C-alpha atoms as a PDB file:
ATOM      1  CA  MET A   1      99.878  97.818 106.824  1.00  0.00           C
ATOM      2  CA  ARG A   2      96.607  96.313 108.022  1.00  0.00           C
ATOM      3  CA  VAL A   3      94.251  99.292 107.872  1.00  0.00           C
ATOM      4  CA  GLY A   4      90.640  99.344 109.006  1.00  0.00           C
ATOM      5  CA  VAL A   5      88.189 101.778 107.453  1.00  0.00           C
ATOM      6  CA  ALA A   6      84.918 102.496 109.264  1.00  0.00           C
ATOM      7  CA  GLY A   7      82.306 104.472 107.350  1.00  0.00           C
ATOM      8  CA  LEU A   8      81.809 103.619 103.672  1.00  0.00           C
ATOM      9  CA  GLY A   9      79.908 106.586 102.339  1.00  0.00           C
ATOM     10  CA  ARG A  10      81.174 108.057  99.094  1.00  0.00           C
ATOM     11  CA  MET A  11      84.332 109.471 100.661  1.00  0.00           C
ATOM     12  CA  GLY A  12      85.090 106.560 102.965  1.00  0.00           C
ATOM     13  CA  ALA A  13      84.662 104.026 100.160  1.00  0.00           C
ATOM     14  CA  ALA A  14      86.913 106.063  97.855  1.00  0.00           C
ATOM     15  CA  MET A  15      89.611 106.244 100.516  1.00  0.00           C
ATOM     16  CA  ALA A  16      89.374 102.517 101.212  1.00  0.00           C
ATOM     17  CA  ALA A  17      89.763 101.795  97.492  1.00  0.00           C
ATOM     18  CA  ARG A  18      92.797 104.077  97.377  1.00  0.00           C
ATOM     19  CA  LEU A  19      94.399 102.245 100.298  1.00  0.00           C
ATOM     20  CA  ILE A  20      93.834  98.907  98.551  1.00  0.00           C
ATOM     21  CA  ASP A  21      95.554 100.313  95.457  1.00  0.00           C
ATOM     22  CA  ARG A  22      98.486 101.427  97.612  1.00  0.00           C
ATOM     23  CA  GLY A  23      99.044  97.859  98.740  1.00  0.00           C
ATOM     24  CA  HIS A  24      97.546  97.968 102.232  1.00  0.00           C
ATOM     25  CA  GLU A  25      95.624  95.047 103.681  1.00  0.00           C
ATOM     26  CA  VAL A  26      92.248  96.756 104.156  1.00  0.00           C
ATOM     27  CA  ILE A  27      89.455  95.695 106.509  1.00  0.00           C
ATOM     28  CA  VAL A  28      86.163  97.575 106.233  1.00  0.00           C
ATOM     29  CA  TRP A  29      83.014  98.089 108.242  1.00  0.00           C
ATOM     30  CA  ASN A  30      79.827 100.031 107.597  1.00  0.00           C
ATOM     31  CA  ARG A  31      76.519 100.109 109.442  1.00  0.00           C
ATOM     32  CA  ALA A  32      74.773  99.311 106.132  1.00  0.00           C
ATOM     33  CA  ALA A  33      76.823  96.181 105.458  1.00  0.00           C
ATOM     34  CA  GLU A  34      75.980  95.999 101.746  1.00  0.00           C
ATOM     35  CA  ARG A  35      78.197  99.014 101.092  1.00  0.00           C
ATOM     36  CA  ALA A  36      81.227  96.851 101.863  1.00  0.00           C
ATOM     37  CA  ALA A  37      80.544  94.432  98.990  1.00  0.00           C
ATOM     38  CA  PRO A  38      82.334  96.340  96.175  1.00  0.00           C
ATOM     39  CA  LEU A  39      85.421  96.758  98.356  1.00  0.00           C
ATOM     40  CA  VAL A  40      85.392  93.102  99.356  1.00  0.00           C
ATOM     41  CA  SER A  41      85.274  92.260  95.654  1.00  0.00           C
ATOM     42  CA  ALA A  42      88.337  94.498  95.217  1.00  0.00           C
ATOM     43  CA  GLY A  43      90.275  92.611  97.896  1.00  0.00           C
ATOM     44  CA  ALA A  44      89.207  94.046 101.258  1.00  0.00           C
ATOM     45  CA  LYS A  45      87.939  91.983 104.176  1.00  0.00           C
ATOM     46  CA  ALA A  46      84.761  92.858 106.077  1.00  0.00           C
ATOM     47  CA  ALA A  47      84.531  93.121 109.864  1.00  0.00           C
ATOM     48  CA  ALA A  48      81.388  92.267 111.806  1.00  0.00           C
ATOM     49  CA  ASN A  49      81.488  95.436 113.916  1.00  0.00           C
ATOM     50  CA  PRO A  50      83.894  98.277 114.803  1.00  0.00           C
ATOM     51  CA  ALA A  51      85.400  96.307 117.706  1.00  0.00           C
ATOM     52  CA  ALA A  52      86.301  93.460 115.337  1.00  0.00           C
ATOM     53  CA  LEU A  53      87.761  96.045 112.974  1.00  0.00           C
ATOM     54  CA  ALA A  54      89.984  97.332 115.785  1.00  0.00           C
ATOM     55  CA  ASP A  55      91.015  93.788 116.690  1.00  0.00           C
ATOM     56  CA  ALA A  56      92.112  93.026 113.125  1.00  0.00           C
ATOM     57  CA  ALA A  57      93.845  96.274 112.137  1.00  0.00           C
ATOM     58  CA  GLU A  58      97.060  98.058 113.045  1.00  0.00           C
ATOM     59  CA  ALA A  59      95.486 101.425 112.226  1.00  0.00           C
ATOM     60  CA  VAL A  60      91.854 102.472 111.798  1.00  0.00           C
ATOM     61  CA  VAL A  61      90.563 105.336 109.648  1.00  0.00           C
ATOM     62  CA  THR A  62      87.059 106.618 110.386  1.00  0.00           C
ATOM     63  CA  MET A  63      85.055 108.750 107.959  1.00  0.00           C
ATOM     64  CA  LEU A  64      81.607 109.301 109.463  1.00  0.00           C
ATOM     65  CA  TYR A  65      78.622 111.581 108.912  1.00  0.00           C
ATOM     66  CA  ASP A  66      78.416 113.505 112.171  1.00  0.00           C
ATOM     67  CA  GLU A  67      79.233 113.562 115.869  1.00  0.00           C
ATOM     68  CA  ALA A  68      76.426 111.128 116.721  1.00  0.00           C
ATOM     69  CA  ALA A  69      77.816 108.589 114.252  1.00  0.00           C
ATOM     70  CA  VAL A  70      81.338 109.060 115.614  1.00  0.00           C
ATOM     71  CA  GLU A  71      80.097 108.564 119.172  1.00  0.00           C
ATOM     72  CA  LEU A  72      78.275 105.368 118.173  1.00  0.00           C
ATOM     73  CA  VAL A  73      81.192 103.891 116.218  1.00  0.00           C
ATOM     74  CA  TYR A  74      83.788 104.707 118.863  1.00  0.00           C
ATOM     75  CA  ARG A  75      81.937 104.293 122.156  1.00  0.00           C
ATOM     76  CA  GLY A  76      78.724 102.436 121.325  1.00  0.00           C
ATOM     77  CA  GLU A  77      78.118  98.737 121.893  1.00  0.00           C
ATOM     78  CA  GLY A  78      80.708  96.841 119.875  1.00  0.00           C
ATOM     79  CA  GLY A  79      82.480 100.136 119.176  1.00  0.00           C
ATOM     80  CA  LEU A  80      86.126 100.679 118.340  1.00  0.00           C
ATOM     81  CA  LEU A  81      87.113 101.453 121.900  1.00  0.00           C
ATOM     82  CA  SER A  82      85.740  98.135 123.106  1.00  0.00           C
ATOM     83  CA  GLY A  83      88.112  96.328 120.770  1.00  0.00           C
ATOM     84  CA  THR A  84      91.858  95.721 121.021  1.00  0.00           C
ATOM     85  CA  ILE A  85      92.898  99.335 120.624  1.00  0.00           C
ATOM     86  CA  ALA A  86      95.802  99.946 123.040  1.00  0.00           C
ATOM     87  CA  GLY A  87      98.922 100.956 121.129  1.00  0.00           C
ATOM     88  CA  LYS A  88      97.091 101.240 117.822  1.00  0.00           C
ATOM     89  CA  LEU A  89      96.612 104.276 115.603  1.00  0.00           C
ATOM     90  CA  LEU A  90      93.184 105.870 115.168  1.00  0.00           C
ATOM     91  CA  ILE A  91      92.680 108.538 112.500  1.00  0.00           C
ATOM     92  CA  ASP A  92      89.319 110.288 112.388  1.00  0.00           C
ATOM     93  CA  MET A  93      88.710 112.111 109.098  1.00  0.00           C
ATOM     94  CA  SER A  94      85.119 113.175 109.733  1.00  0.00           C
ATOM     95  CA  THR A  95      84.014 116.825 109.676  1.00  0.00           C
ATOM     96  CA  LEU A  96      83.115 117.708 113.264  1.00  0.00           C
ATOM     97  CA  ARG A  97      83.170 120.659 115.616  1.00  0.00           C
ATOM     98  CA  PRO A  98      86.419 120.945 117.602  1.00  0.00           C
ATOM     99  CA  SER A  99      84.641 120.074 120.862  1.00  0.00           C
ATOM    100  CA  GLY A 100      83.353 116.812 119.406  1.00  0.00           C
ATOM    101  CA  VAL A 101      86.690 115.617 118.097  1.00  0.00           C
ATOM    102  CA  LYS A 102      88.438 116.627 121.341  1.00  0.00           C
ATOM    103  CA  ALA A 103      86.020 114.463 123.301  1.00  0.00           C
ATOM    104  CA  ILE A 104      86.510 111.381 121.156  1.00  0.00           C
ATOM    105  CA  GLY A 105      90.268 111.970 121.019  1.00  0.00           C
ATOM    106  CA  ALA A 106      90.436 112.074 124.815  1.00  0.00           C
ATOM    107  CA  ALA A 107      88.471 108.817 125.051  1.00  0.00           C
ATOM    108  CA  ALA A 108      90.760 107.154 122.510  1.00  0.00           C
ATOM    109  CA  GLY A 109      93.844 108.339 124.378  1.00  0.00           C
ATOM    110  CA  ALA A 110      92.449 107.053 127.669  1.00  0.00           C
ATOM    111  CA  ALA A 111      92.044 103.640 126.003  1.00  0.00           C
ATOM    112  CA  GLY A 112      95.723 103.682 125.050  1.00  0.00           C
ATOM    113  CA  ALA A 113      95.368 104.518 121.359  1.00  0.00           C
ATOM    114  CA  ALA A 114      97.386 107.070 119.402  1.00  0.00           C
ATOM    115  CA  PHE A 115      94.737 109.463 118.061  1.00  0.00           C
ATOM    116  CA  VAL A 116      94.988 111.903 115.158  1.00  0.00           C
ATOM    117  CA  GLU A 117      92.187 113.862 113.559  1.00  0.00           C
ATOM    118  CA  CYS A 118      92.541 114.707 109.882  1.00  0.00           C
ATOM    119  CA  PRO A 119      89.472 116.174 108.183  1.00  0.00           C
ATOM    120  CA  VAL A 120      90.132 116.757 104.504  1.00  0.00           C
ATOM    121  CA  GLY A 121      89.403 119.119 101.679  1.00  0.00           C
ATOM    122  CA  GLY A 122      88.339 117.482  98.437  1.00  0.00           C
ATOM    123  CA  THR A 123      85.669 115.206  97.027  1.00  0.00           C
ATOM    124  CA  ILE A 124      85.462 111.665  95.653  1.00  0.00           C
ATOM    125  CA  GLY A 125      87.874 112.075  92.734  1.00  0.00           C
ATOM    126  CA  PRO A 126      90.722 113.454  94.869  1.00  0.00           C
ATOM    127  CA  ALA A 127      89.996 110.831  97.535  1.00  0.00           C
ATOM    128  CA  ARG A 128      90.245 108.036  94.987  1.00  0.00           C
ATOM    129  CA  ASN A 129      93.496 109.432  93.574  1.00  0.00           C
ATOM    130  CA  GLY A 130      95.248 110.400  96.801  1.00  0.00           C
ATOM    131  CA  GLN A 131      94.880 114.133  96.165  1.00  0.00           C
ATOM    132  CA  LEU A 132      93.061 115.314  99.285  1.00  0.00           C
ATOM    133  CA  LEU A 133      94.148 118.245 101.448  1.00  0.00           C
ATOM    134  CA  GLY A 134      94.732 116.969 104.978  1.00  0.00           C
ATOM    135  CA  LEU A 135      94.211 119.159 108.058  1.00  0.00           C
ATOM    136  CA  ALA A 136      95.597 117.225 110.996  1.00  0.00           C
ATOM    137  CA  GLY A 137      95.339 117.715 114.741  1.00  0.00           C
ATOM    138  CA  GLY A 138      97.252 115.782 117.361  1.00  0.00           C
ATOM    139  CA  THR A 139     100.651 115.472 119.004  1.00  0.00           C
ATOM    140  CA  ALA A 140     103.767 115.695 116.856  1.00  0.00           C
ATOM    141  CA  ALA A 141     104.604 112.058 117.668  1.00  0.00           C
ATOM    142  CA  ASN A 142     101.174 110.729 116.724  1.00  0.00           C
ATOM    143  CA  PHE A 143     101.143 112.822 113.542  1.00  0.00           C
ATOM    144  CA  ALA A 144     104.549 111.458 112.535  1.00  0.00           C
ATOM    145  CA  ARG A 145     103.185 107.952 112.992  1.00  0.00           C
ATOM    146  CA  ALA A 146     100.076 108.699 110.920  1.00  0.00           C
ATOM    147  CA  LYS A 147     101.750 110.679 108.156  1.00  0.00           C
ATOM    148  CA  PRO A 148     102.867 107.784 105.897  1.00  0.00           C
ATOM    149  CA  LEU A 149      99.260 106.571 105.770  1.00  0.00           C
ATOM    150  CA  LEU A 150      97.904 110.097 105.294  1.00  0.00           C
ATOM    151  CA  ASP A 151     100.414 110.650 102.482  1.00  0.00           C
ATOM    152  CA  ASP A 152      98.736 107.799 100.602  1.00  0.00           C
ATOM    153  CA  LEU A 153      95.462 109.740 100.750  1.00  0.00           C
ATOM    154  CA  CYS A 154      96.566 113.379 100.532  1.00  0.00           C
ATOM    155  CA  ARG A 155      98.548 115.534  98.125  1.00  0.00           C
ATOM    156  CA  ARG A 156      99.373 117.701 101.135  1.00  0.00           C
ATOM    157  CA  VAL A 157      98.841 117.147 104.840  1.00  0.00           C
ATOM    158  CA  ASP A 158      99.759 119.611 107.585  1.00  0.00           C
ATOM    159  CA  LEU A 159      99.735 119.369 111.361  1.00  0.00           C
ATOM    160  CA  ILE A 160      97.616 122.399 112.274  1.00  0.00           C
ATOM    161  CA  GLY A 161      97.926 121.993 116.053  1.00  0.00           C
ATOM    162  CA  PRO A 162      96.553 119.802 118.861  1.00  0.00           C
ATOM    163  CA  VAL A 163      93.402 117.722 118.498  1.00  0.00           C
ATOM    164  CA  GLY A 164      90.574 120.100 117.573  1.00  0.00           C
ATOM    165  CA  ALA A 165      92.763 122.381 115.454  1.00  0.00           C
ATOM    166  CA  GLY A 166      92.151 120.334 112.315  1.00  0.00           C
ATOM    167  CA  ALA A 167      88.384 120.511 112.820  1.00  0.00           C
ATOM    168  CA  ALA A 168      88.535 124.291 113.264  1.00  0.00           C
ATOM    169  CA  MET A 169      90.617 124.690 110.102  1.00  0.00           C
ATOM    170  CA  LYS A 170      88.277 122.445 108.104  1.00  0.00           C
ATOM    171  CA  LEU A 171      85.287 124.642 108.966  1.00  0.00           C
ATOM    172  CA  ALA A 172      87.312 127.753 108.127  1.00  0.00           C
ATOM    173  CA  ILE A 173      88.443 126.391 104.755  1.00  0.00           C
ATOM    174  CA  ASN A 174      84.946 125.283 103.771  1.00  0.00           C
ATOM    175  CA  LEU A 175      83.355 128.609 104.741  1.00  0.00           C
ATOM    176  CA  PRO A 176      84.460 130.775 101.763  1.00  0.00           C
ATOM    177  CA  LEU A 177      83.787 127.932  99.318  1.00  0.00           C
ATOM    178  CA  ILE A 178      80.202 127.539 100.471  1.00  0.00           C
ATOM    179  CA  VAL A 179      79.654 131.296 100.447  1.00  0.00           C
ATOM    180  CA  PHE A 180      81.041 131.390  96.902  1.00  0.00           C
ATOM    181  CA  TRP A 181      78.524 128.807  95.664  1.00  0.00           C
ATOM    182  CA  LEU A 182      75.706 131.025  96.881  1.00  0.00           C
ATOM    183  CA  ALA A 183      77.311 134.252  95.659  1.00  0.00           C
ATOM    184  CA  PHE A 184      77.787 132.695  92.236  1.00  0.00           C
ATOM    185  CA  GLY A 185      74.101 131.818  92.186  1.00  0.00           C
ATOM    186  CA  GLU A 186      73.221 135.455  92.941  1.00  0.00           C
ATOM    187  CA  ALA A 187      75.626 136.643  90.250  1.00  0.00           C
ATOM    188  CA  ASN A 188      73.897 134.387  87.736  1.00  0.00           C
ATOM    189  CA  ALA A 189      70.538 135.763  88.810  1.00  0.00           C
ATOM    190  CA  LEU A 190      71.751 139.207  87.728  1.00  0.00           C
ATOM    191  CA  ILE A 191      72.540 138.001  84.198  1.00  0.00           C
ATOM    192  CA  ARG A 192      69.900 135.320  83.684  1.00  0.00           C
ATOM    193  CA  ASP A 193      68.058 137.463  81.114  1.00  0.00           C
ATOM    194  CA  LEU A 194      71.123 137.727  78.851  1.00  0.00           C
ATOM    195  CA  GLY A 195      70.662 134.184  77.539  1.00  0.00           C
ATOM    196  CA  LEU A 196      74.360 133.346  77.722  1.00  0.00           C
ATOM    197  CA  ASP A 197      75.810 129.838  77.430  1.00  0.00           C
ATOM    198  CA  PRO A 198      76.520 128.580  80.981  1.00  0.00           C
ATOM    199  CA  ALA A 199      79.895 127.217  79.832  1.00  0.00           C
ATOM    200  CA  PHE A 200      80.832 130.724  78.669  1.00  0.00           C
ATOM    201  CA  ILE A 201      79.736 132.203  82.005  1.00  0.00           C
ATOM    202  CA  VAL A 202      81.746 129.690  84.040  1.00  0.00           C
ATOM    203  CA  GLY A 203      84.811 130.188  81.860  1.00  0.00           C
ATOM    204  CA  LEU A 204      84.603 133.966  82.131  1.00  0.00           C
ATOM    205  CA  PHE A 205      84.201 133.886  85.918  1.00  0.00           C
ATOM    206  CA  ALA A 206      87.136 131.464  86.177  1.00  0.00           C
ATOM    207  CA  GLU A 207      89.326 134.099  84.506  1.00  0.00           C
ATOM    208  CA  SER A 208      88.131 136.882  86.795  1.00  0.00           C
ATOM    209  CA  GLY A 209      89.691 138.089  90.044  1.00  0.00           C
ATOM    210  CA  GLY A 210      86.842 136.524  92.000  1.00  0.00           C
ATOM    211  CA  GLY A 211      87.069 133.091  90.387  1.00  0.00           C
ATOM    212  CA  PRO A 212      88.269 130.415  92.866  1.00  0.00           C
ATOM    213  CA  ASN A 213      89.943 127.098  92.075  1.00  0.00           C
ATOM    214  CA  VAL A 214      86.611 125.277  92.239  1.00  0.00           C
ATOM    215  CA  LEU A 215      85.545 126.871  88.942  1.00  0.00           C
ATOM    216  CA  ARG A 216      88.511 125.310  87.229  1.00  0.00           C
ATOM    217  CA  ALA A 217      88.122 121.951  88.933  1.00  0.00           C
ATOM    218  CA  GLN A 218      84.339 121.636  88.574  1.00  0.00           C
ATOM    219  CA  GLY A 219      83.667 124.038  85.695  1.00  0.00           C
ATOM    220  CA  PRO A 220      82.090 121.537  83.272  1.00  0.00           C
ATOM    221  CA  ALA A 221      79.839 120.046  85.974  1.00  0.00           C
ATOM    222  CA  LEU A 222      78.783 123.518  87.107  1.00  0.00           C
ATOM    223  CA  ALA A 223      78.029 124.660  83.571  1.00  0.00           C
ATOM    224  CA  GLY A 224      75.935 121.541  83.090  1.00  0.00           C
ATOM    225  CA  THR A 225      73.836 122.093  86.188  1.00  0.00           C
ATOM    226  CA  LEU A 226      73.286 125.760  85.294  1.00  0.00           C
ATOM    227  CA  ALA A 227      71.931 124.441  82.000  1.00  0.00           C
ATOM    228  CA  GLY A 228      69.616 122.061  83.891  1.00  0.00           C
ATOM    229  CA  LYS A 229      71.583 118.851  83.341  1.00  0.00           C
ATOM    230  CA  ASP A 230      72.210 116.296  86.079  1.00  0.00           C
ATOM    231  CA  PRO A 231      75.898 115.922  86.996  1.00  0.00           C
ATOM    232  CA  ALA A 232      77.538 112.700  85.854  1.00  0.00           C
ATOM    233  CA  GLU A 233      78.543 111.920  89.434  1.00  0.00           C
ATOM    234  CA  ILE A 234      77.369 113.137  92.820  1.00  0.00           C
ATOM    235  CA  THR A 235      80.487 114.090  94.768  1.00  0.00           C
ATOM    236  CA  PHE A 236      79.254 116.237  97.671  1.00  0.00           C
ATOM    237  CA  THR A 237      75.569 116.754  98.352  1.00  0.00           C
ATOM    238  CA  ILE A 238      73.689 119.880  99.386  1.00  0.00           C
ATOM    239  CA  GLU A 239      72.660 117.953 102.513  1.00  0.00           C
ATOM    240  CA  LEU A 240      76.329 117.657 103.493  1.00  0.00           C
ATOM    241  CA  ILE A 241      76.964 121.322 102.704  1.00  0.00           C
ATOM    242  CA  THR A 242      74.043 122.283 104.936  1.00  0.00           C
ATOM    243  CA  LYS A 243      75.413 120.117 107.741  1.00  0.00           C
ATOM    244  CA  ASP A 244      78.812 121.811 107.482  1.00  0.00           C
ATOM    245  CA  VAL A 245      77.331 125.328 107.464  1.00  0.00           C
ATOM    246  CA  ARG A 246      75.287 124.459 110.544  1.00  0.00           C
ATOM    247  CA  LEU A 247      78.512 123.357 112.282  1.00  0.00           C
ATOM    248  CA  MET A 248      80.074 126.718 111.400  1.00  0.00           C
ATOM    249  CA  VAL A 249      77.170 128.598 112.948  1.00  0.00           C
ATOM    250  CA  GLU A 250      77.245 126.421 116.072  1.00  0.00           C
ATOM    251  CA  GLU A 251      80.992 126.851 116.480  1.00  0.00           C
ATOM    252  CA  ALA A 252      80.716 130.621 116.047  1.00  0.00           C
ATOM    253  CA  GLU A 253      77.970 130.775 118.696  1.00  0.00           C
ATOM    254  CA  ALA A 254      80.113 128.717 121.077  1.00  0.00           C
ATOM    255  CA  GLN A 255      82.914 131.266 120.655  1.00  0.00           C
ATOM    256  CA  GLY A 256      80.594 134.264 121.029  1.00  0.00           C
ATOM    257  CA  LEU A 257      81.107 135.256 117.385  1.00  0.00           C
ATOM    258  CA  VAL A 258      78.564 136.616 114.908  1.00  0.00           C
ATOM    259  CA  LEU A 259      78.970 135.425 111.297  1.00  0.00           C
ATOM    260  CA  PRO A 260      76.153 137.173 109.392  1.00  0.00           C
ATOM    261  CA  VAL A 261      77.161 135.908 105.943  1.00  0.00           C
ATOM    262  CA  VAL A 262      77.283 132.305 107.148  1.00  0.00           C
ATOM    263  CA  ARG A 263      73.961 132.645 108.954  1.00  0.00           C
ATOM    264  CA  ARG A 264      72.337 133.784 105.721  1.00  0.00           C
ATOM    265  CA  ALA A 265      74.085 130.993 103.827  1.00  0.00           C
ATOM    266  CA  LEU A 266      72.554 128.493 106.252  1.00  0.00           C
ATOM    267  CA  GLU A 267      69.078 129.945 105.639  1.00  0.00           C
ATOM    268  CA  VAL A 268      69.468 129.521 101.871  1.00  0.00           C
ATOM    269  CA  CYS A 269      70.880 125.997 102.244  1.00  0.00           C
ATOM    270  CA  GLU A 270      67.941 125.056 104.456  1.00  0.00           C
ATOM    271  CA  GLN A 271      65.541 126.490 101.861  1.00  0.00           C
ATOM    272  CA  ALA A 272      67.223 124.274  99.256  1.00  0.00           C
ATOM    273  CA  MET A 273      66.785 121.273 101.555  1.00  0.00           C
ATOM    274  CA  GLN A 274      63.102 122.077 102.117  1.00  0.00           C
ATOM    275  CA  SER A 275      62.663 122.321  98.354  1.00  0.00           C
ATOM    276  CA  GLY A 276      63.924 118.749  97.921  1.00  0.00           C
ATOM    277  CA  TRP A 277      67.439 119.586  96.731  1.00  0.00           C
ATOM    278  CA  GLY A 278      69.274 117.864  99.600  1.00  0.00           C
ATOM    279  CA  SER A 279      70.400 114.833  97.580  1.00  0.00           C
ATOM    280  CA  CYS A 280      71.558 116.998  94.653  1.00  0.00           C
ATOM    281  CA  ASP A 281      75.246 117.517  94.029  1.00  0.00           C
ATOM    282  CA  SER A 282      76.779 120.704  95.417  1.00  0.00           C
ATOM    283  CA  SER A 283      77.216 121.998  91.862  1.00  0.00           C
ATOM    284  CA  TRP A 284      73.423 122.477  91.831  1.00  0.00           C
ATOM    285  CA  LEU A 285      73.577 125.024  94.654  1.00  0.00           C
ATOM    286  CA  PRO A 286      74.371 128.055  92.438  1.00  0.00           C
ATOM    287  CA  ALA A 287      71.311 127.181  90.358  1.00  0.00           C
ATOM    288  CA  PHE A 288      69.009 127.219  93.374  1.00  0.00           C
ATOM    289  CA  TRP A 289      68.829 130.974  93.930  1.00  0.00           C
ATOM    290  CA  PRO A 290      67.806 131.942  90.365  1.00  0.00           C
ATOM    291  CA  ALA A 291      65.385 129.014  90.148  1.00  0.00           C
ATOM    292  CA  HIS A 292      63.635 129.281  93.497  1.00  0.00           C
ATOM    293  CA  VAL A 293      64.372 132.520  95.308  1.00  0.00           C
ATOM    294  CA  ALA A 294      65.304 135.425  93.029  1.00  0.00           C
ATOM    295  CA  GLY A 295      62.458 137.741  92.231  1.00  0.00           C
ATOM    296  CA  ARG A 296      60.198 136.616  95.087  1.00  0.00           C
ATOM    297  CA  GLY A 297      60.765 139.797  97.084  1.00  0.00           C
END
């Protein structure tokens, strides 16, 4: 299939590379055009703008930073919806609030496209290896059309409900993970005077009732950052975590909900950002509380 990919950050580039490996004819576009070069070297073609991407592809996957970027790429000058889009498949995999993805889905449908949202759980490694967790929203017919392509990217993909349902589930799934990172940092603050090997601590927590899958998947990286070592690869930054937590708070407010744990998590994430940790990998977040907050009263 001729597949366009718009948005070549770490995740978008990894997904484009995966689609090349799966034998698709891949066309790519990114606002910073130099990010397309490694994929072009691997066999992709580059489009001049999103409209040209839509003209050339049978299906387009978008993986973008936020709602403003999605709005620009879809409805801005030279955007996807100004291209040849009628009858084609659009799959947005960005992390957005439900209201944002509903709006862009409605615009895509009005232009004659089949639209599916599918935000994902997972980082660069799973994206590169087709092991993401897909959380789709759309009609059953559009999901059935998108599923073969999503199966190339995901170990599991479920239709959660109509457009907007996938976005809601993505925020819900990310919430306990983000809270865990911060709780693990507080737990380490309690035992920082014991002088224990971080690898031992991570291994012990992984065996406990409160140890989530992330400790098994990212245990070595986490132990390294607790010991003050830079991770070998940045997979998901604290800046992106902060953005996602802010979306959770905004969505809760829109629904008239109070999420006190998430509100406090956002405060700590913003403190980490203000302290210059935004570009650090998410595995640094548990180290932030003992290093910068604990003991200050």
